[in-house]
C-alpha atoms as a PDB file:
ATOM      1  CA  MET A   1     -54.919  -4.272 -59.432  1.00  0.00           C
ATOM      2  CA  SER A   2     -51.459  -5.407 -57.506  1.00  0.00           C
ATOM      3  CA  SER A   3     -48.254  -5.415 -59.619  1.00  0.00           C
ATOM      4  CA  THR A   4     -46.502  -8.224 -57.246  1.00  0.00           C
ATOM      5  CA  PRO A   5     -47.998 -11.739 -58.238  1.00  0.00           C
ATOM      6  CA  ALA A   6     -49.383 -13.292 -55.148  1.00  0.00           C
ATOM      7  CA  VAL A   7     -49.800 -17.688 -54.767  1.00  0.00           C
ATOM      8  CA  ALA A   8     -53.165 -19.375 -56.668  1.00  0.00           C
ATOM      9  CA  ALA A   9     -52.580 -22.877 -54.955  1.00  0.00           C
ATOM     10  CA  SER A  10     -55.180 -25.999 -55.238  1.00  0.00           C
ATOM     11  CA  SER A  11     -54.743 -27.062 -51.834  1.00  0.00           C
ATOM     12  CA  GLU A  12     -53.812 -25.244 -47.953  1.00  0.00           C
ATOM     13  CA  VAL A  13     -51.954 -26.090 -45.059  1.00  0.00           C
ATOM     14  CA  VAL A  14     -52.553 -24.238 -41.984  1.00  0.00           C
ATOM     15  CA  GLY A  15     -49.033 -23.302 -40.283  1.00  0.00           C
ATOM     16  CA  ALA A  16     -48.466 -23.486 -36.407  1.00  0.00           C
ATOM     17  CA  ASP A  17     -49.432 -20.342 -35.811  1.00  0.00           C
ATOM     18  CA  GLY A  18     -53.472 -20.419 -37.874  1.00  0.00           C
ATOM     19  CA  VAL A  19     -52.548 -18.425 -41.184  1.00  0.00           C
ATOM     20  CA  ARG A  20     -53.494 -20.078 -44.357  1.00  0.00           C
ATOM     21  CA  GLN A  21     -49.999 -21.621 -46.521  1.00  0.00           C
ATOM     22  CA  PRO A  22     -50.413 -22.608 -50.318  1.00  0.00           C
ATOM     23  CA  GLY A  23     -49.703 -26.387 -50.383  1.00  0.00           C
ATOM     24  CA  GLY A  24     -49.748 -28.814 -54.070  1.00  0.00           C
ATOM     25  CA  GLU A  25     -49.649 -27.504 -57.164  1.00  0.00           C
ATOM     26  CA  VAL A  26     -48.529 -23.413 -56.591  1.00  0.00           C
ATOM     27  CA  HIS A  27     -49.271 -21.442 -59.526  1.00  0.00           C
ATOM     28  CA  ALA A  28     -48.348 -16.619 -59.937  1.00  0.00           C
ATOM     29  CA  TRP A  29     -51.432 -14.712 -59.337  1.00  0.00           C
ATOM     30  CA  LEU A  30     -51.979 -11.375 -59.849  1.00  0.00           C
ATOM     31  CA  PRO A  31     -54.703 -10.098 -57.091  1.00  0.00           C
ATOM     32  CA  GLY A  32     -57.033  -8.281 -59.093  1.00  0.00           C
ATOM     33  CA  GLN A  33     -57.683 -10.280 -61.657  1.00  0.00           C
ATOM     34  CA  ASN A  34     -59.236 -13.554 -61.983  1.00  0.00           C
ATOM     35  CA  GLN A  35     -57.120 -16.096 -63.383  1.00  0.00           C
ATOM     36  CA  THR A  36     -53.411 -17.011 -63.098  1.00  0.00           C
ATOM     37  CA  VAL A  37     -50.117 -15.785 -64.412  1.00  0.00           C
ATOM     38  CA  CYS A  38     -50.442 -18.623 -67.112  1.00  0.00           C
ATOM     39  CA  GLY A  39     -53.703 -18.220 -68.240  1.00  0.00           C
ATOM     40  CA  LEU A  40     -55.493 -20.538 -65.806  1.00  0.00           C
ATOM     41  CA  PRO A  41     -58.688 -19.258 -65.053  1.00  0.00           C
ATOM     42  CA  LEU A  42     -58.853 -19.334 -60.781  1.00  0.00           C
ATOM     43  CA  SER A  43     -62.705 -20.548 -60.768  1.00  0.00           C
ATOM     44  CA  ARG A  44     -62.541 -23.525 -63.383  1.00  0.00           C
ATOM     45  CA  THR A  45     -59.379 -24.988 -61.861  1.00  0.00           C
ATOM     46  CA  ARG A  46     -60.760 -24.299 -58.540  1.00  0.00           C
ATOM     47  CA  LEU A  47     -57.282 -22.924 -57.439  1.00  0.00           C
ATOM     48  CA  ARG A  48     -57.408 -20.770 -53.597  1.00  0.00           C
ATOM     49  CA  ARG A  49     -56.082 -17.254 -53.987  1.00  0.00           C
ATOM     50  CA  PHE A  50     -53.288 -16.751 -50.858  1.00  0.00           C
ATOM     51  CA  PRO A  51     -53.277 -12.725 -51.665  1.00  0.00           C
ATOM     52  CA  HIS A  52     -51.031 -12.743 -47.977  1.00  0.00           C
ATOM     53  CA  VAL A  53     -48.546 -15.044 -49.092  1.00  0.00           C
ATOM     54  CA  PRO A  54     -46.147 -13.196 -52.159  1.00  0.00           C
ATOM     55  CA  PHE A  55     -44.865 -16.016 -54.967  1.00  0.00           C
ATOM     56  CA  ASP A  56     -40.919 -15.941 -54.695  1.00  0.00           C
ATOM     57  CA  TYR A  57     -40.115 -18.986 -56.207  1.00  0.00           C
ATOM     58  CA  ALA A  58     -37.254 -19.258 -58.505  1.00  0.00           C
ATOM     59  CA  SER A  59     -35.948 -21.880 -60.882  1.00  0.00           C
ATOM     60  CA  THR A  60     -33.373 -23.056 -58.412  1.00  0.00           C
ATOM     61  CA  ASP A  61     -35.513 -23.885 -55.597  1.00  0.00           C
ATOM     62  CA  VAL A  62     -35.564 -27.818 -54.761  1.00  0.00           C
ATOM     63  CA  LEU A  63     -38.863 -29.446 -53.101  1.00  0.00           C
ATOM     64  CA  THR A  64     -38.332 -32.567 -50.937  1.00  0.00           C
ATOM     65  CA  GLN A  65     -41.354 -34.843 -49.429  1.00  0.00           C
ATOM     66  CA  ALA A  66     -41.857 -32.499 -46.314  1.00  0.00           C
ATOM     67  CA  ASP A  67     -42.742 -29.404 -48.370  1.00  0.00           C
ATOM     68  CA  PRO A  68     -46.194 -28.468 -48.468  1.00  0.00           C
ATOM     69  CA  VAL A  69     -45.876 -27.673 -51.907  1.00  0.00           C
ATOM     70  CA  GLY A  70     -45.357 -30.254 -54.172  1.00  0.00           C
ATOM     71  CA  PHE A  71     -45.195 -28.393 -57.556  1.00  0.00           C
ATOM     72  CA  ILE A  72     -44.600 -25.351 -59.493  1.00  0.00           C
ATOM     73  CA  CYS A  73     -45.800 -24.258 -62.302  1.00  0.00           C
ATOM     74  CA  PRO A  74     -42.665 -23.665 -64.710  1.00  0.00           C
ATOM     75  CA  ARG A  75     -44.904 -21.260 -66.879  1.00  0.00           C
ATOM     76  CA  CYS A  76     -45.875 -19.094 -64.229  1.00  0.00           C
ATOM     77  CA  LEU A  77     -41.817 -19.002 -62.671  1.00  0.00           C
ATOM     78  CA  ALA A  78     -40.824 -17.982 -65.974  1.00  0.00           C
ATOM     79  CA  ALA A  79     -43.254 -15.320 -66.261  1.00  0.00           C
ATOM     80  CA  THR A  80     -42.546 -13.749 -62.689  1.00  0.00           C
ATOM     81  CA  GLN A  81     -38.473 -14.010 -63.871  1.00  0.00           C
ATOM     82  CA  GLY A  82     -39.023 -12.440 -66.969  1.00  0.00           C
ATOM     83  CA  ARG A  83     -40.673  -9.241 -65.605  1.00  0.00           C
ATOM     84  CA  ARG A  84     -37.937  -9.650 -62.400  1.00  0.00           C
ATOM     85  CA  ARG A  85     -35.303  -8.737 -65.087  1.00  0.00           C
ATOM     86  CA  GLN A  86     -37.286  -6.098 -66.573  1.00  0.00           C
ATOM     87  CA  GLU A  87     -37.744  -3.844 -63.549  1.00  0.00           C
ATOM     88  CA  ARG A  88     -33.867  -4.148 -63.483  1.00  0.00           C
ATOM     89  CA  SER A  89     -32.641  -3.388 -67.446  1.00  0.00           C
ATOM     90  CA  TRP A  90     -30.689  -0.876 -68.254  1.00  0.00           C
ATOM     91  CA  VAL A  91     -31.595   2.459 -68.923  1.00  0.00           C
ATOM     92  CA  ARG A  92     -29.872   4.925 -70.517  1.00  0.00           C
ATOM     93  CA  GLN A  93     -29.056   8.109 -68.685  1.00  0.00           C
ATOM     94  CA  SER A  94     -28.323  10.699 -71.470  1.00  0.00           C
ATOM     95  CA  PRO A  95     -29.692   9.722 -74.760  1.00  0.00           C
ATOM     96  CA  ARG A  96     -27.910  10.962 -77.865  1.00  0.00           C
ATOM     97  CA  PRO A  97     -29.043  13.931 -79.366  1.00  0.00           C
END
Protein backbone atom coordinates (compact mmCIF):
# COMPACT_ATOMS: atom_id res chain seq x y z
CA MET A 1 0.00 0.00 0.00
CA SER A 2 1.21 3.47 -0.85
CA SER A 3 0.88 6.49 1.43
CA THR A 4 0.92 8.95 -1.47
CA PRO A 5 -2.61 9.67 -2.69
CA ALA A 6 -3.38 9.11 -6.35
CA VAL A 7 -6.44 10.17 -8.36
CA ALA A 8 -9.75 8.40 -8.87
CA ALA A 9 -12.09 10.14 -11.32
CA SER A 10 -15.52 9.73 -12.87
CA SER A 11 -14.23 9.94 -16.45
CA GLU A 12 -11.00 9.91 -18.41
CA VAL A 13 -9.45 11.96 -21.17
CA VAL A 14 -6.72 10.65 -23.45
CA GLY A 15 -4.02 13.29 -23.87
CA ALA A 16 -2.08 14.11 -27.02
CA ASP A 17 0.70 11.75 -25.87
CA GLY A 18 -1.77 8.86 -25.50
CA VAL A 19 -1.71 8.76 -21.69
CA ARG A 20 -4.99 8.55 -19.76
CA GLN A 21 -5.75 11.63 -17.65
CA PRO A 22 -8.57 12.11 -15.12
CA GLY A 23 -11.66 14.10 -15.96
CA GLY A 24 -15.01 14.95 -14.44
CA GLU A 25 -15.26 14.52 -10.67
CA VAL A 26 -11.86 13.92 -9.01
CA HIS A 27 -11.19 12.21 -5.66
CA ALA A 28 -8.07 11.23 -3.73
CA TRP A 29 -7.39 7.49 -3.56
CA LEU A 30 -4.67 5.52 -1.77
CA PRO A 31 -3.45 2.72 -4.07
CA GLY A 32 -4.17 -0.65 -2.54
CA GLN A 33 -7.51 0.40 -1.08
CA ASN A 34 -10.98 -0.05 -2.57
CA GLN A 35 -12.29 3.34 -1.50
CA THR A 36 -11.45 7.00 -1.81
CA VAL A 37 -10.03 9.05 1.04
CA CYS A 38 -13.50 10.52 1.67
CA GLY A 39 -14.99 7.01 1.93
CA LEU A 40 -16.65 6.41 -1.45
CA PRO A 41 -16.37 2.79 -2.66
CA LEU A 42 -14.66 2.75 -6.06
CA SER A 43 -16.72 -0.07 -7.56
CA ARG A 44 -20.17 1.21 -6.59
CA THR A 45 -19.49 4.78 -7.68
CA ARG A 46 -17.74 3.56 -10.86
CA LEU A 47 -14.70 5.75 -10.31
CA ARG A 48 -11.70 5.00 -12.52
CA ARG A 49 -8.29 4.65 -10.91
CA PHE A 50 -5.28 6.65 -12.07
CA PRO A 51 -2.30 5.34 -10.04
CA HIS A 52 0.14 7.24 -12.29
CA VAL A 53 -1.44 10.64 -11.48
CA PRO A 54 -0.68 12.07 -8.00
CA PHE A 55 -3.43 13.95 -6.17
CA ASP A 56 -1.65 17.29 -5.90
CA TYR A 57 -4.57 19.69 -5.97
CA ALA A 58 -4.80 22.64 -3.58
CA SER A 59 -7.78 24.51 -2.18
CA THR A 60 -6.66 27.58 -4.13
CA ASP A 61 -6.82 25.85 -7.54
CA VAL A 62 -9.22 27.47 -9.99
CA LEU A 63 -10.99 25.28 -12.54
CA THR A 64 -12.11 26.69 -15.89
CA GLN A 65 -14.28 25.34 -18.70
CA ALA A 66 -11.13 24.29 -20.60
CA ASP A 67 -10.04 21.91 -17.80
CA PRO A 68 -11.10 18.27 -18.14
CA VAL A 69 -11.49 18.17 -14.34
CA GLY A 70 -14.85 19.65 -13.43
CA PHE A 71 -15.00 19.11 -9.66
CA ILE A 72 -12.45 18.37 -6.92
CA CYS A 73 -13.89 16.67 -3.85
CA PRO A 74 -13.56 19.10 -0.92
CA ARG A 75 -13.47 16.26 1.65
CA CYS A 76 -10.59 14.54 -0.16
CA LEU A 77 -8.85 17.89 -0.50
CA ALA A 78 -9.13 18.58 3.23
CA ALA A 79 -7.95 15.07 4.11
CA THR A 80 -4.85 15.24 1.94
CA GLN A 81 -3.90 18.75 3.06
CA GLY A 82 -4.17 17.62 6.67
CA ARG A 83 -1.78 14.78 5.95
CA ARG A 84 0.75 17.20 4.47
CA ARG A 85 0.45 19.40 7.55
CA GLN A 86 1.15 16.43 9.82
CA GLU A 87 4.29 15.56 7.89
CA ARG A 88 5.60 19.10 8.34
CA SER A 89 4.62 19.38 11.98
CA TRP A 90 7.08 20.61 14.55
CA VAL A 91 9.01 17.95 16.49
CA ARG A 92 10.98 18.56 19.68
CA GLN A 93 14.64 17.71 19.11
CA SER A 94 15.76 17.49 22.74
CA PRO A 95 12.88 16.70 25.09
CA ARG A 96 12.80 17.83 28.67
CA PRO A 97 14.22 15.37 31.23
